Amino acid sequence: MPSIETRKLIRVGAASLGIIVPKPWLDYHKLKYGDKVVIITNGDIHIKRI
């Protein structure tokens, strides 16, 4: 399911930002509330399910 989409950062609390992940992405990657992910940054940002 490779894809490119534009997402806007939203405020989460007083000092954090987040993004909304579309339900089809969650379903495709078998993610659900409470799952942990790894965020890898090296000029790009990659998110992996653990």
PDB file of N, CA and C in Angstrom:
ATOM      1  N   MET A   1       0.824  -1.190   0.000  1.00  0.00           N
ATOM      2  CA  MET A   1       0.000   0.000   0.000  1.00  0.00           C
ATOM      3  C   MET A   1       0.868   1.253   0.000  1.00  0.00           C
ATOM      4  N   PRO A   2       1.879   1.333  -0.823  1.00  0.00           N
ATOM      5  CA  PRO A   2       2.656   2.570  -0.883  1.00  0.00           C
ATOM      6  C   PRO A   2       1.759   3.724  -1.317  1.00  0.00           C
ATOM      7  N   SER A   3       1.922   4.857  -0.665  1.00  0.00           N
ATOM      8  CA  SER A   3       1.128   6.029  -1.022  1.00  0.00           C
ATOM      9  C   SER A   3       1.809   7.278  -0.502  1.00  0.00           C
ATOM     10  N   ILE A   4       1.432   8.403  -1.063  1.00  0.00           N
ATOM     11  CA  ILE A   4       1.908   9.700  -0.597  1.00  0.00           C
ATOM     12  C   ILE A   4       0.679  10.537  -0.304  1.00  0.00           C
ATOM     13  N   GLU A   5       0.621  11.081   0.890  1.00  0.00           N
ATOM     14  CA  GLU A   5      -0.485  11.940   1.286  1.00  0.00           C
ATOM     15  C   GLU A   5       0.057  13.105   2.077  1.00  0.00           C
ATOM     16  N   THR A   6      -0.662  14.201   2.057  1.00  0.00           N
ATOM     17  CA  THR A   6      -0.309  15.359   2.863  1.00  0.00           C
ATOM     18  C   THR A   6      -1.166  15.340   4.112  1.00  0.00           C
ATOM     19  N   ARG A   7      -0.547  15.502   5.265  1.00  0.00           N
ATOM     20  CA  ARG A   7      -1.252  15.532   6.541  1.00  0.00           C
ATOM     21  C   ARG A   7      -0.870  16.793   7.284  1.00  0.00           C
ATOM     22  N   LYS A   8      -1.793  17.350   8.049  1.00  0.00           N
ATOM     23  CA  LYS A   8      -1.545  18.548   8.830  1.00  0.00           C
ATOM     24  C   LYS A   8      -1.284  18.163  10.280  1.00  0.00           C
ATOM     25  N   LEU A   9      -0.304  18.781  10.917  1.00  0.00           N
ATOM     26  CA  LEU A   9      -0.050  18.548  12.339  1.00  0.00           C
ATOM     27  C   LEU A   9      -1.162  19.206  13.145  1.00  0.00           C
ATOM     28  N   ILE A  10      -1.603  18.535  14.197  1.00  0.00           N
ATOM     29  CA  ILE A  10      -2.634  19.085  15.085  1.00  0.00           C
ATOM     30  C   ILE A  10      -2.073  19.178  16.493  1.00  0.00           C
ATOM     31  N   ARG A  11      -2.629  20.070  17.274  1.00  0.00           N
ATOM     32  CA  ARG A  11      -2.197  20.240  18.663  1.00  0.00           C
ATOM     33  C   ARG A  11      -2.795  19.133  19.512  1.00  0.00           C
ATOM     34  N   VAL A  12      -1.947  18.515  20.342  1.00  0.00           N
ATOM     35  CA  VAL A  12      -2.368  17.480  21.286  1.00  0.00           C
ATOM     36  C   VAL A  12      -1.855  17.924  22.650  1.00  0.00           C
ATOM     37  N   GLY A  13      -2.712  18.512  23.463  1.00  0.00           N
ATOM     38  CA  GLY A  13      -2.268  19.049  24.742  1.00  0.00           C
ATOM     39  C   GLY A  13      -1.560  20.380  24.548  1.00  0.00           C
ATOM     40  N   ALA A  14      -0.840  20.819  25.578  1.00  0.00           N
ATOM     41  CA  ALA A  14      -0.218  22.136  25.564  1.00  0.00           C
ATOM     42  C   ALA A  14       1.118  22.164  24.822  1.00  0.00           C
ATOM     43  N   ALA A  15       1.839  21.040  24.782  1.00  0.00           N
ATOM     44  CA  ALA A  15       3.202  21.084  24.254  1.00  0.00           C
ATOM     45  C   ALA A  15       3.510  20.009  23.211  1.00  0.00           C
ATOM     46  N   SER A  16       2.496  19.359  22.660  1.00  0.00           N
ATOM     47  CA  SER A  16       2.744  18.275  21.705  1.00  0.00           C
ATOM     48  C   SER A  16       1.935  18.483  20.433  1.00  0.00           C
ATOM     49  N   LEU A  17       2.401  17.857  19.365  1.00  0.00           N
ATOM     50  CA  LEU A  17       1.691  17.847  18.095  1.00  0.00           C
ATOM     51  C   LEU A  17       1.500  16.403  17.665  1.00  0.00           C
ATOM     52  N   GLY A  18       0.520  16.150  16.823  1.00  0.00           N
ATOM     53  CA  GLY A  18       0.273  14.808  16.326  1.00  0.00           C
ATOM     54  C   GLY A  18      -0.313  14.863  14.929  1.00  0.00           C
ATOM     55  N   ILE A  19      -0.527  13.698  14.324  1.00  0.00           N
ATOM     56  CA  ILE A  19      -1.197  13.609  13.033  1.00  0.00           C
ATOM     57  C   ILE A  19      -2.338  12.607  13.152  1.00  0.00           C
ATOM     58  N   ILE A  20      -3.317  12.771  12.309  1.00  0.00           N
ATOM     59  CA  ILE A  20      -4.420  11.819  12.234  1.00  0.00           C
ATOM     60  C   ILE A  20      -4.058  10.778  11.177  1.00  0.00           C
ATOM     61  N   VAL A  21      -4.192   9.505  11.518  1.00  0.00           N
ATOM     62  CA  VAL A  21      -3.878   8.419  10.594  1.00  0.00           C
ATOM     63  C   VAL A  21      -5.200   7.853  10.073  1.00  0.00           C
ATOM     64  N   PRO A  22      -5.366   7.780   8.759  1.00  0.00           N
ATOM     65  CA  PRO A  22      -6.634   7.296   8.198  1.00  0.00           C
ATOM     66  C   PRO A  22      -6.905   5.834   8.567  1.00  0.00           C
ATOM     67  N   LYS A  23      -8.167   5.498   8.751  1.00  0.00           N
ATOM     68  CA  LYS A  23      -8.550   4.146   9.129  1.00  0.00           C
ATOM     69  C   LYS A  23      -8.042   3.086   8.144  1.00  0.00           C
ATOM     70  N   PRO A  24      -8.082   3.324   6.819  1.00  0.00           N
ATOM     71  CA  PRO A  24      -7.534   2.293   5.916  1.00  0.00           C
ATOM     72  C   PRO A  24      -6.059   1.994   6.183  1.00  0.00           C
ATOM     73  N   TRP A  25      -5.272   2.982   6.582  1.00  0.00           N
ATOM     74  CA  TRP A  25      -3.871   2.735   6.934  1.00  0.00           C
ATOM     75  C   TRP A  25      -3.792   1.851   8.170  1.00  0.00           C
ATOM     76  N   LEU A  26      -4.613   2.175   9.166  1.00  0.00           N
ATOM     77  CA  LEU A  26      -4.620   1.382  10.396  1.00  0.00           C
ATOM     78  C   LEU A  26      -4.977  -0.066  10.093  1.00  0.00           C
ATOM     79  N   ASP A  27      -6.024  -0.242   9.286  1.00  0.00           N
ATOM     80  CA  ASP A  27      -6.456  -1.599   8.928  1.00  0.00           C
ATOM     81  C   ASP A  27      -5.361  -2.334   8.155  1.00  0.00           C
ATOM     82  N   TYR A  28      -4.770  -1.686   7.163  1.00  0.00           N
ATOM     83  CA  TYR A  28      -3.757  -2.320   6.323  1.00  0.00           C
ATOM     84  C   TYR A  28      -2.541  -2.754   7.135  1.00  0.00           C
ATOM     85  N   HIS A  29      -2.122  -1.902   8.076  1.00  0.00           N
ATOM     86  CA  HIS A  29      -0.932  -2.196   8.876  1.00  0.00           C
ATOM     87  C   HIS A  29      -1.263  -2.893  10.201  1.00  0.00           C
ATOM     88  N   LYS A  30      -2.536  -3.233  10.373  1.00  0.00           N
ATOM     89  CA  LYS A  30      -3.012  -3.941  11.569  1.00  0.00           C
ATOM     90  C   LYS A  30      -2.651  -3.187  12.850  1.00  0.00           C
ATOM     91  N   LEU A  31      -2.862  -1.875  12.828  1.00  0.00           N
ATOM     92  CA  LEU A  31      -2.609  -1.042  14.004  1.00  0.00           C
ATOM     93  C   LEU A  31      -3.916  -0.764  14.722  1.00  0.00           C
ATOM     94  N   LYS A  32      -3.830  -0.651  16.037  1.00  0.00           N
ATOM     95  CA  LYS A  32      -5.007  -0.314  16.830  1.00  0.00           C
ATOM     96  C   LYS A  32      -4.585   0.544  18.011  1.00  0.00           C
ATOM     97  N   TYR A  33      -5.557   1.115  18.673  1.00  0.00           N
ATOM     98  CA  TYR A  33      -5.310   1.971  19.824  1.00  0.00           C
ATOM     99  C   TYR A  33      -4.410   1.247  20.828  1.00  0.00           C
ATOM    100  N   GLY A  34      -3.366   1.921  21.278  1.00  0.00           N
ATOM    101  CA  GLY A  34      -2.480   1.355  22.280  1.00  0.00           C
ATOM    102  C   GLY A  34      -1.262   0.640  21.716  1.00  0.00           C
ATOM    103  N   ASP A  35      -1.260   0.358  20.398  1.00  0.00           N
ATOM    104  CA  ASP A  35      -0.079  -0.278  19.799  1.00  0.00           C
ATOM    105  C   ASP A  35       1.116   0.655  19.905  1.00  0.00           C
ATOM    106  N   LYS A  36       2.300   0.070  20.007  1.00  0.00           N
ATOM    107  CA  LYS A  36       3.532   0.851  20.041  1.00  0.00           C
ATOM    108  C   LYS A  36       4.131   0.898  18.651  1.00  0.00           C
ATOM    109  N   VAL A  37       4.721   2.037  18.318  1.00  0.00           N
ATOM    110  CA  VAL A  37       5.425   2.189  17.053  1.00  0.00           C
ATOM    111  C   VAL A  37       6.804   2.775  17.334  1.00  0.00           C
ATOM    112  N   VAL A  38       7.731   2.542  16.418  1.00  0.00           N
ATOM    113  CA  VAL A  38       9.069   3.117  16.487  1.00  0.00           C
ATOM    114  C   VAL A  38       9.124   4.234  15.454  1.00  0.00           C
ATOM    115  N   ILE A  39       9.644   5.387  15.838  1.00  0.00           N
ATOM    116  CA  ILE A  39       9.803   6.501  14.915  1.00  0.00           C
ATOM    117  C   ILE A  39      11.292   6.678  14.658  1.00  0.00           C
ATOM    118  N   ILE A  40      11.700   6.565  13.387  1.00  0.00           N
ATOM    119  CA  ILE A  40      13.101   6.652  12.989  1.00  0.00           C
ATOM    120  C   ILE A  40      13.275   7.952  12.201  1.00  0.00           C
ATOM    121  N   THR A  41      14.187   8.813  12.655  1.00  0.00           N
ATOM    122  CA  THR A  41      14.442  10.065  11.951  1.00  0.00           C
ATOM    123  C   THR A  41      15.898  10.131  11.543  1.00  0.00           C
ATOM    124  N   ASN A  42      16.132  10.418  10.278  1.00  0.00           N
ATOM    125  CA  ASN A  42      17.497  10.588   9.764  1.00  0.00           C
ATOM    126  C   ASN A  42      17.438  11.485   8.532  1.00  0.00           C
ATOM    127  N   GLY A  43      16.769  12.593   8.658  1.00  0.00           N
ATOM    128  CA  GLY A  43      16.484  13.455   7.518  1.00  0.00           C
ATOM    129  C   GLY A  43      15.087  13.193   6.982  1.00  0.00           C
ATOM    130  N   ASP A  44      14.645  11.966   7.029  1.00  0.00           N
ATOM    131  CA  ASP A  44      13.278  11.555   6.735  1.00  0.00           C
ATOM    132  C   ASP A  44      12.674  11.022   8.023  1.00  0.00           C
ATOM    133  N   ILE A  45      11.389  10.820   8.035  1.00  0.00           N
ATOM    134  CA  ILE A  45      10.726  10.222   9.198  1.00  0.00           C
ATOM    135  C   ILE A  45      10.091   8.905   8.749  1.00  0.00           C
ATOM    136  N   HIS A  46      10.412   7.830   9.453  1.00  0.00           N
ATOM    137  CA  HIS A  46       9.837   6.513   9.175  1.00  0.00           C
ATOM    138  C   HIS A  46       9.178   6.015  10.458  1.00  0.00           C
ATOM    139  N   ILE A  47       8.007   5.431  10.328  1.00  0.00           N
ATOM    140  CA  ILE A  47       7.291   4.895  11.486  1.00  0.00           C
ATOM    141  C   ILE A  47       7.112   3.401  11.243  1.00  0.00           C
ATOM    142  N   LYS A  48       7.525   2.595  12.222  1.00  0.00           N
ATOM    143  CA  LYS A  48       7.414   1.148  12.107  1.00  0.00           C
ATOM    144  C   LYS A  48       6.622   0.590  13.288  1.00  0.00           C
ATOM    145  N   ARG A  49       5.815  -0.416  12.993  1.00  0.00           N
ATOM    146  CA  ARG A  49       5.083  -1.126  14.046  1.00  0.00           C
ATOM    147  C   ARG A  49       6.051  -2.063  14.745  1.00  0.00           C
ATOM    148  N   ILE A  50       5.938  -2.167  16.072  1.00  0.00           N
ATOM    149  CA  ILE A  50       6.784  -3.123  16.804  1.00  0.00           C
ATOM    150  C   ILE A  50       5.917  -4.174  17.448  1.00  0.00           C
TER     151      ILE A  50
END
